[in-house]
Protein backbone atom coordinates (compact mmCIF):
# COMPACT_ATOMS: atom_id res chain seq x y z
CA MET A 1 -10.90 11.72 -11.91
CA LYS A 2 -12.15 9.26 -14.58
CA SER A 3 -14.70 6.47 -13.81
CA LEU A 4 -15.98 3.36 -15.40
CA PHE A 5 -18.02 0.46 -14.03
CA GLY A 6 -18.00 2.00 -10.57
CA LEU A 7 -14.30 2.30 -10.52
CA LYS A 8 -12.47 5.67 -9.97
CA VAL A 9 -9.45 5.97 -12.16
CA PRO A 10 -7.00 8.61 -10.97
CA ILE A 11 -5.13 10.33 -13.86
CA SER A 12 -3.43 13.50 -12.57
CA LEU A 13 -0.73 13.82 -10.02
CA ALA A 14 -3.12 15.77 -7.82
CA GLU A 15 -5.57 12.85 -7.86
CA ILE A 16 -2.93 10.21 -7.18
CA CYS A 17 -1.41 12.12 -4.23
CA ASP A 18 -4.32 11.27 -1.96
CA ARG A 19 -2.85 11.20 1.52
CA GLU A 20 -5.08 8.35 2.63
CA GLN A 21 -4.14 6.13 -0.35
CA LEU A 22 -0.52 7.06 -0.88
CA ALA A 23 2.55 5.82 0.91
CA LEU A 24 6.17 7.03 0.84
CA LEU A 25 8.88 4.47 0.19
CA VAL A 26 12.44 5.54 1.25
CA TYR A 27 14.66 3.18 -0.61
CA ASP A 28 18.06 2.04 0.80
CA MET A 29 19.09 5.30 2.32
CA GLN A 30 21.92 3.56 4.26
CA ILE A 31 25.18 4.93 5.46
CA GLY A 32 27.20 2.48 3.36
CA ILE A 33 25.25 3.14 0.23
CA ALA A 34 24.94 6.91 0.48
CA GLY A 35 28.71 6.94 0.94
CA GLN A 36 29.19 5.52 -2.60
CA ILE A 37 27.05 8.07 -4.37
CA ARG A 38 28.38 11.37 -5.69
CA GLY A 39 26.48 14.33 -4.20
CA ALA A 40 25.19 12.21 -1.28
CA GLU A 41 24.74 15.22 0.98
CA THR A 42 22.33 16.81 -1.47
CA ILE A 43 20.33 13.66 -1.86
CA VAL A 44 20.12 13.02 1.94
CA ALA A 45 18.89 16.59 2.30
CA ASN A 46 16.32 16.21 -0.57
CA VAL A 47 15.02 12.99 0.77
CA GLY A 48 14.74 14.64 4.17
CA ARG A 49 12.52 17.43 2.57
CA VAL A 50 10.23 14.71 1.15
CA LEU A 51 10.12 12.80 4.41
CA THR A 52 9.27 16.02 6.30
CA ALA A 53 6.45 16.78 3.90
CA ALA A 54 5.08 13.27 3.98
CA ARG A 55 5.14 13.23 7.84
CA ASP A 56 3.51 16.65 7.99
CA ALA A 57 0.68 15.44 5.67
CA GLY A 58 0.15 12.18 7.59
CA VAL A 59 1.43 10.00 4.74
CA ARG A 60 2.40 6.48 5.74
CA VAL A 61 6.21 5.95 5.47
CA PHE A 62 8.17 2.72 4.83
CA PHE A 63 11.89 2.29 4.59
CA THR A 64 14.00 -0.42 2.98
CA ARG A 65 17.58 -1.62 3.78
CA HIS A 66 19.72 -3.76 1.59
CA MET A 67 21.20 -6.50 3.62
CA SER A 68 24.13 -8.82 2.94
CA LEU A 69 23.98 -12.36 4.11
CA PRO A 70 27.09 -13.99 5.64
CA LEU A 71 29.38 -15.50 3.01
CA PRO A 72 28.38 -19.14 3.93
CA LEU A 73 24.63 -18.25 3.45
CA MET A 74 25.04 -16.51 0.04
CA GLY A 75 23.58 -18.57 -2.75
CA ALA A 76 24.87 -18.68 -6.29
CA PHE A 77 22.95 -15.58 -7.41
CA GLN A 78 23.87 -13.53 -4.32
CA LEU A 79 27.54 -14.45 -4.92
CA ARG A 80 27.31 -13.70 -8.64
CA MET A 81 25.63 -10.27 -7.98
CA ALA A 82 28.21 -9.40 -5.30
CA MET A 83 31.10 -10.37 -7.57
CA ALA A 84 29.78 -8.07 -10.28
CA TRP A 85 29.41 -5.13 -8.02
CA GLN A 86 32.68 -5.58 -6.12
CA GLY A 87 34.65 -6.36 -9.35
CA VAL A 88 36.16 -9.64 -8.13
CA ALA A 89 36.76 -12.78 -10.16
CA GLU A 90 36.30 -15.38 -7.41
CA PRO A 91 33.37 -16.05 -5.05
CA SER A 92 35.83 -16.42 -2.18
CA LEU A 93 36.86 -12.82 -2.62
CA VAL A 94 33.37 -11.43 -1.98
CA LYS A 95 33.01 -9.28 1.10
CA PRO A 96 29.48 -9.05 2.70
CA VAL A 97 29.31 -5.25 2.95
CA PHE A 98 25.98 -4.77 4.53
CA LEU A 99 25.79 -7.37 7.27
CA ARG A 100 22.97 -6.94 9.79
CA ASP A 101 23.83 -4.44 12.52
CA SER A 102 27.06 -3.37 10.80
CA PRO A 103 27.61 0.51 10.68
CA GLY A 104 27.04 0.74 6.91
CA PHE A 105 23.75 -1.14 7.09
CA GLN A 106 22.03 1.48 9.13
CA ILE A 107 19.82 4.27 7.80
CA VAL A 108 21.48 7.69 7.45
CA PRO A 109 20.95 9.27 10.99
CA ALA A 110 19.50 12.41 9.45
CA LEU A 111 16.73 10.25 8.05
CA ALA A 112 16.08 8.11 11.14
CA PRO A 113 12.63 6.41 10.89
CA LEU A 114 10.10 7.17 13.49
CA PRO A 115 8.50 4.50 15.72
CA SER A 116 5.39 4.87 13.61
CA GLU A 117 7.28 4.02 10.37
CA ALA A 118 8.38 0.53 9.20
CA ILE A 119 11.77 -0.79 8.03
CA PHE A 120 11.89 -3.78 5.75
CA ASP A 121 15.20 -5.58 5.10
CA LYS A 122 15.81 -7.30 1.74
CA ILE A 123 18.58 -9.17 -0.21
CA THR A 124 16.99 -8.31 -3.67
CA MET A 125 16.73 -5.17 -5.77
CA SER A 126 12.89 -4.89 -5.76
CA ALA A 127 11.58 -3.66 -2.35
CA PHE A 128 8.65 -6.03 -2.93
CA GLU A 129 10.52 -9.35 -3.28
CA GLY A 130 10.87 -11.19 -0.03
CA THR A 131 9.46 -8.47 2.20
CA PRO A 132 6.00 -7.71 3.70
CA LEU A 133 5.68 -4.47 1.71
CA ASN A 134 2.99 -5.63 -0.64
CA VAL A 135 0.80 -7.02 2.02
CA ALA A 136 1.32 -3.97 4.33
CA LEU A 137 0.42 -1.53 1.57
CA ARG A 138 -2.76 -3.36 0.51
CA ASP A 139 -3.77 -3.89 4.10
CA CYS A 140 -3.71 -0.02 4.55
CA GLY A 141 -5.67 0.56 1.37
CA ILE A 142 -2.65 2.09 -0.41
CA LYS A 143 -3.02 2.54 -4.17
CA ALA A 144 0.05 4.57 -4.96
CA ILE A 145 3.61 4.81 -3.71
CA ALA A 146 6.03 7.80 -3.91
CA ILE A 147 9.58 6.65 -4.14
CA VAL A 148 12.90 8.37 -3.15
CA GLY A 149 16.33 7.07 -2.27
CA ILE A 150 19.38 5.32 -3.77
CA ALA A 151 19.97 4.32 -6.52
CA LEU A 152 17.60 5.21 -9.30
CA GLU A 153 19.08 2.99 -11.97
CA VAL A 154 19.84 -0.01 -9.68
CA GLY A 155 17.13 -0.66 -7.16
CA ILE A 156 14.42 2.01 -7.64
CA ASP A 157 13.91 1.01 -11.35
CA PRO A 158 13.06 -2.67 -10.54
CA THR A 159 10.97 -1.58 -7.57
CA VAL A 160 8.95 0.78 -9.72
CA ARG A 161 8.42 -1.87 -12.40
CA HIS A 162 7.38 -4.47 -9.74
CA ALA A 163 5.00 -1.95 -8.15
CA ILE A 164 3.34 -1.49 -11.54
CA ASP A 165 2.95 -5.24 -12.00
CA LEU A 166 1.34 -5.42 -8.56
CA GLY A 167 -1.16 -2.66 -9.49
CA PHE A 168 0.26 0.24 -7.52
CA ILE A 169 0.85 3.57 -9.19
CA PRO A 170 4.44 4.76 -8.68
CA VAL A 171 5.40 8.37 -8.31
CA VAL A 172 9.20 8.84 -8.72
CA ILE A 173 10.34 12.02 -7.04
CA SER A 174 13.34 12.47 -9.38
CA ASP A 175 15.29 15.09 -7.54
CA ALA A 176 15.22 12.89 -4.38
CA CYS A 177 16.74 9.93 -6.07
CA GLY A 178 20.44 9.39 -6.02
CA VAL A 179 22.27 7.85 -9.01
CA GLY A 180 25.40 5.93 -9.44
CA ASN A 181 25.62 6.20 -13.16
CA GLU A 182 24.19 9.37 -14.83
CA GLU A 183 23.72 7.77 -18.23
CA ALA A 184 22.03 4.62 -16.90
CA ALA A 185 19.74 6.80 -14.71
CA ARG A 186 18.78 8.88 -17.81
CA ARG A 187 17.85 5.77 -19.68
CA THR A 188 15.80 4.54 -16.72
CA LEU A 189 13.76 7.73 -16.61
CA GLU A 190 13.26 7.76 -20.35
CA SER A 191 12.15 4.14 -20.36
CA LEU A 192 9.70 4.60 -17.47
CA ALA A 193 8.29 7.71 -19.14
CA PHE A 194 7.87 5.93 -22.47
CA GLU A 195 5.93 3.09 -20.76
CA GLY A 196 3.60 5.59 -19.23
CA ASN A 197 2.75 3.71 -16.04
CA ALA A 198 4.76 5.77 -13.59
CA LEU A 199 4.43 9.43 -12.68
CA PHE A 200 7.23 11.85 -12.03
CA ALA A 201 7.40 14.90 -9.70
CA ASP A 202 9.90 17.16 -8.17
CA ILE A 203 10.06 17.79 -4.32
CA THR A 204 8.25 21.08 -4.42
CA THR A 205 5.32 19.88 -6.52
CA PHE A 206 4.95 16.69 -4.53
CA ALA A 207 5.02 18.49 -1.21
CA GLU A 208 2.35 20.98 -2.47
CA ARG A 209 0.11 18.08 -3.65
CA ILE A 210 0.18 16.07 -0.46
CA GLY A 211 -0.17 19.21 1.61
CA ARG A 212 -3.59 20.17 0.08
CA PRO A 213 -6.63 18.93 1.94
CA GLU A 214 -8.61 18.97 -1.39
CA ARG A 215 -7.55 17.88 -4.83
CA ASP A 216 -7.74 19.84 -8.00
C-alpha cells in the first residue's frame, strides 16, 4: 500500500479487494438478456461462482436490471437506441422488450438476489446514471467495485468508465462477463488495460483475494 499526505493508495489487487471497501456489481443478468448471449449457461454459472464467493466473504452485492419504458414514454434517444438494437427503420416498429414485471426483465433464477442485496433498475447503459448506486456505494464507504454480468462491450464498458470518473476502482472479472461480439469485447479489454485505471482478475484469483482475512 502506497501513501501520501495521509492518504492510502491501493495498488495491487490484494490491496483493492478489501472486503469492507469493495462491492460486487452484477450487471443485467436478466432472463431476456442472457438468452441473447452465446454460452449463456457458462456465464450464468461463472457469475454464480463469483456471487457465492462474495456472499461467503461478506462483500456487499448490488444488481442492475435494464428496463424498457412503455412506447409512449420513450424519448427520442430511447427510441433511437431501440431502433439500432432491434434493427428497425421506424420508431413505431420498436418493441419494448424489457418492460417492468415482464418475464425477460427478471434476474436469472439461479442468481436470485438475497433480501440483503439491492436491485437498481435503469434505462441507460451506465449503472450509475439515474440510479442510487453512487450514493449507496459512498454511504457504505465503498472504494472499489468488482463487476460481472452481460454484456462486456455494451453496458459493462460504460459502467467501468463511469465508475472511474466517480473515483471508484473497478475490478473486471473477465471470465464472468458475457459478450455479444467477441471482437468488440476484445477491443474493450484492450482499451481499458491501456488506460490503466481498471484492474482485471479471473474468478479463482478474485475468490482467493476476497476470502483472505489479511492482505499480502
